[in-house]
C-alpha atoms as a PDB file:
ATOM      1  CA  UNK A   1     -54.430  21.724 -87.579  1.00  0.00           C
ATOM      2  CA  UNK A   2     -56.312  19.694 -84.786  1.00  0.00           C
ATOM      3  CA  UNK A   3     -58.888  21.578 -82.292  1.00  0.00           C
ATOM      4  CA  UNK A   4     -59.039  21.252 -79.455  1.00  0.00           C
ATOM      5  CA  UNK A   5     -62.282  22.010 -77.630  1.00  0.00           C
ATOM      6  CA  UNK A   6     -62.867  23.029 -73.768  1.00  0.00           C
ATOM      7  CA  UNK A   7     -64.947  21.048 -71.617  1.00  0.00           C
ATOM      8  CA  UNK A   8     -68.277  22.397 -70.965  1.00  0.00           C
ATOM      9  CA  UNK A   9     -68.419  23.888 -67.828  1.00  0.00           C
ATOM     10  CA  UNK A  10     -70.231  22.268 -65.193  1.00  0.00           C
ATOM     11  CA  UNK A  11     -73.471  24.023 -63.523  1.00  0.00           C
ATOM     12  CA  UNK A  12     -74.827  23.792 -60.014  1.00  0.00           C
ATOM     13  CA  UNK A  13     -75.972  19.989 -59.019  1.00  0.00           C
ATOM     14  CA  UNK A  14     -74.654  18.489 -61.775  1.00  0.00           C
ATOM     15  CA  UNK A  15     -71.774  15.856 -61.751  1.00  0.00           C
ATOM     16  CA  UNK A  16     -68.590  16.643 -63.341  1.00  0.00           C
ATOM     17  CA  UNK A  17     -68.826  13.254 -64.333  1.00  0.00           C
ATOM     18  CA  UNK A  18     -71.331  13.442 -66.443  1.00  0.00           C
ATOM     19  CA  UNK A  19     -72.387   9.184 -67.371  1.00  0.00           C
ATOM     20  CA  UNK A  20     -70.243   7.887 -65.224  1.00  0.00           C
ATOM     21  CA  UNK A  21     -70.921   6.228 -62.025  1.00  0.00           C
ATOM     22  CA  UNK A  22     -70.470   8.644 -59.194  1.00  0.00           C
ATOM     23  CA  UNK A  23     -69.593   6.503 -56.171  1.00  0.00           C
ATOM     24  CA  UNK A  24     -68.518   9.619 -54.427  1.00  0.00           C
ATOM     25  CA  UNK A  25     -72.272  10.759 -53.235  1.00  0.00           C
ATOM     26  CA  UNK A  26     -73.652   7.189 -51.212  1.00  0.00           C
ATOM     27  CA  UNK A  27     -70.143   7.066 -49.521  1.00  0.00           C
ATOM     28  CA  UNK A  28     -70.311  10.884 -47.954  1.00  0.00           C
ATOM     29  CA  UNK A  29     -74.349   9.427 -47.131  1.00  0.00           C
ATOM     30  CA  UNK A  30     -73.064   6.434 -45.495  1.00  0.00           C
ATOM     31  CA  UNK A  31     -70.103   8.583 -43.497  1.00  0.00           C
ATOM     32  CA  UNK A  32     -72.451  11.350 -42.607  1.00  0.00           C
ATOM     33  CA  UNK A  33     -75.180   8.806 -41.098  1.00  0.00           C
ATOM     34  CA  UNK A  34     -72.260   6.957 -38.908  1.00  0.00           C
ATOM     35  CA  UNK A  35     -71.299  10.218 -37.571  1.00  0.00           C
ATOM     36  CA  UNK A  36     -74.416  11.364 -36.710  1.00  0.00           C
ATOM     37  CA  UNK A  37     -74.832   7.694 -34.755  1.00  0.00           C
ATOM     38  CA  UNK A  38     -71.718   8.497 -33.350  1.00  0.00           C
ATOM     39  CA  UNK A  39     -72.092  11.699 -32.177  1.00  0.00           C
ATOM     40  CA  UNK A  40     -75.518  10.337 -30.187  1.00  0.00           C
ATOM     41  CA  UNK A  41     -73.860   7.301 -28.386  1.00  0.00           C
ATOM     42  CA  UNK A  42     -70.343   9.605 -27.370  1.00  0.00           C
ATOM     43  CA  UNK A  43     -72.856  12.245 -26.432  1.00  0.00           C
ATOM     44  CA  UNK A  44     -74.844  12.351 -23.036  1.00  0.00           C
ATOM     45  CA  UNK A  45     -78.014  10.582 -24.406  1.00  0.00           C
ATOM     46  CA  UNK A  46     -79.279  13.771 -26.520  1.00  0.00           C
ATOM     47  CA  UNK A  47     -81.269  13.375 -29.628  1.00  0.00           C
ATOM     48  CA  UNK A  48     -78.952  14.205 -33.038  1.00  0.00           C
ATOM     49  CA  UNK A  49     -80.944  14.944 -36.082  1.00  0.00           C
ATOM     50  CA  UNK A  50     -79.418  13.172 -39.237  1.00  0.00           C
ATOM     51  CA  UNK A  51     -80.574  15.527 -41.307  1.00  0.00           C
ATOM     52  CA  UNK A  52     -78.598  18.065 -39.607  1.00  0.00           C
ATOM     53  CA  UNK A  53     -75.655  16.108 -39.739  1.00  0.00           C
ATOM     54  CA  UNK A  54     -75.947  15.816 -43.285  1.00  0.00           C
ATOM     55  CA  UNK A  55     -76.178  19.367 -43.959  1.00  0.00           C
ATOM     56  CA  UNK A  56     -73.125  20.477 -41.622  1.00  0.00           C
ATOM     57  CA  UNK A  57     -70.729  17.237 -41.685  1.00  0.00           C
ATOM     58  CA  UNK A  58     -69.204  18.912 -45.022  1.00  0.00           C
ATOM     59  CA  UNK A  59     -67.516  21.089 -42.502  1.00  0.00           C
ATOM     60  CA  UNK A  60     -65.601  18.242 -40.987  1.00  0.00           C
ATOM     61  CA  UNK A  61     -64.913  16.319 -43.641  1.00  0.00           C
ATOM     62  CA  UNK A  62     -62.023  18.277 -44.470  1.00  0.00           C
ATOM     63  CA  UNK A  63     -59.941  17.598 -40.946  1.00  0.00           C
ATOM     64  CA  UNK A  64     -60.863  14.116 -41.259  1.00  0.00           C
ATOM     65  CA  UNK A  65     -59.850  13.612 -44.528  1.00  0.00           C
ATOM     66  CA  UNK A  66     -56.047  16.283 -43.898  1.00  0.00           C
ATOM     67  CA  UNK A  67     -56.007  13.552 -40.959  1.00  0.00           C
ATOM     68  CA  UNK A  68     -56.215  10.306 -42.945  1.00  0.00           C
ATOM     69  CA  UNK A  69     -53.987  11.808 -45.863  1.00  0.00           C
ATOM     70  CA  UNK A  70     -51.278  12.577 -43.079  1.00  0.00           C
ATOM     71  CA  UNK A  71     -51.480  10.163 -40.831  1.00  0.00           C
ATOM     72  CA  UNK A  72     -51.824  12.011 -37.756  1.00  0.00           C
ATOM     73  CA  UNK A  73     -54.207  13.854 -35.765  1.00  0.00           C
ATOM     74  CA  UNK A  74     -57.578  11.319 -36.745  1.00  0.00           C
ATOM     75  CA  UNK A  75     -58.410  11.017 -32.978  1.00  0.00           C
ATOM     76  CA  UNK A  76     -58.326  14.747 -32.613  1.00  0.00           C
ATOM     77  CA  UNK A  77     -60.126  15.674 -35.486  1.00  0.00           C
ATOM     78  CA  UNK A  78     -63.242  13.251 -35.197  1.00  0.00           C
ATOM     79  CA  UNK A  79     -63.362  14.557 -31.279  1.00  0.00           C
ATOM     80  CA  UNK A  80     -63.596  18.275 -32.342  1.00  0.00           C
ATOM     81  CA  UNK A  81     -66.248  16.800 -34.924  1.00  0.00           C
ATOM     82  CA  UNK A  82     -68.505  14.720 -32.818  1.00  0.00           C
ATOM     83  CA  UNK A  83     -68.190  17.758 -30.168  1.00  0.00           C
ATOM     84  CA  UNK A  84     -69.390  20.100 -33.280  1.00  0.00           C
ATOM     85  CA  UNK A  85     -71.982  17.821 -33.458  1.00  0.00           C
ATOM     86  CA  UNK A  86     -73.522  17.410 -30.376  1.00  0.00           C
ATOM     87  CA  UNK A  87     -73.284  21.521 -29.945  1.00  0.00           C
ATOM     88  CA  UNK A  88     -74.967  22.288 -33.292  1.00  0.00           C
ATOM     89  CA  UNK A  89     -77.275  18.755 -34.478  1.00  0.00           C
ATOM     90  CA  UNK A  90     -79.504  18.213 -31.995  1.00  0.00           C
ATOM     91  CA  UNK A  91     -82.856  17.289 -32.770  1.00  0.00           C
ATOM     92  CA  UNK A  92     -85.184  20.521 -32.486  1.00  0.00           C
ATOM     93  CA  UNK A  93     -88.194  19.234 -30.396  1.00  0.00           C
ATOM     94  CA  UNK A  94     -87.113  15.506 -29.038  1.00  0.00           C
ATOM     95  CA  UNK A  95     -90.915  15.082 -27.140  1.00  0.00           C
ATOM     96  CA  UNK A  96     -92.537  15.801 -30.743  1.00  0.00           C
ATOM     97  CA  UNK A  97     -90.732  12.925 -32.102  1.00  0.00           C
ATOM     98  CA  UNK A  98     -91.267  10.600 -29.146  1.00  0.00           C
ATOM     99  CA  UNK A  99     -95.331  11.699 -30.009  1.00  0.00           C
ATOM    100  CA  UNK A 100     -95.554  12.271 -33.613  1.00  0.00           C
ATOM    101  CA  UNK A 101     -92.273  11.604 -35.430  1.00  0.00           C
ATOM    102  CA  UNK A 102     -90.131   8.151 -35.477  1.00  0.00           C
ATOM    103  CA  UNK A 103     -89.522   7.919 -32.371  1.00  0.00           C
ATOM    104  CA  UNK A 104     -93.516   6.792 -31.606  1.00  0.00           C
ATOM    105  CA  UNK A 105     -92.853   3.036 -32.235  1.00  0.00           C
ATOM    106  CA  UNK A 106     -91.039   3.175 -28.679  1.00  0.00           C
ATOM    107  CA  UNK A 107     -87.539   3.565 -29.736  1.00  0.00           C
ATOM    108  CA  UNK A 108     -85.048   4.882 -27.205  1.00  0.00           C
ATOM    109  CA  UNK A 109     -82.355   6.622 -27.615  1.00  0.00           C
ATOM    110  CA  UNK A 110     -78.568   4.838 -26.532  1.00  0.00           C
ATOM    111  CA  UNK A 111     -75.788   6.068 -24.643  1.00  0.00           C
ATOM    112  CA  UNK A 112     -72.888   4.821 -24.796  1.00  0.00           C
ATOM    113  CA  UNK A 113     -71.730   1.664 -22.599  1.00  0.00           C
END
């Protein structure tokens, strides 16, 4: 008689793959950074917080992946997602960032050409 063991439950913060290389995490990070820069370039010159994008971008992934799987609606899903980020992921105090933060070295926020 063969004993079948169930896998141990995965606790919060643990990888389900345990020991295997999880390439999904770095890919998600790159995609979130891309979405932040895309929203900033599409928008009317407002500064976008990459941290806020990283915290809220998971809402966009469902629509984007569904559009990719079906092959229809990717442009609409991306447009709605970028509009969501422009509304909800703005930097809270760009003037302070120009004085004390990353923008103090003279970097400028660019607009789409």
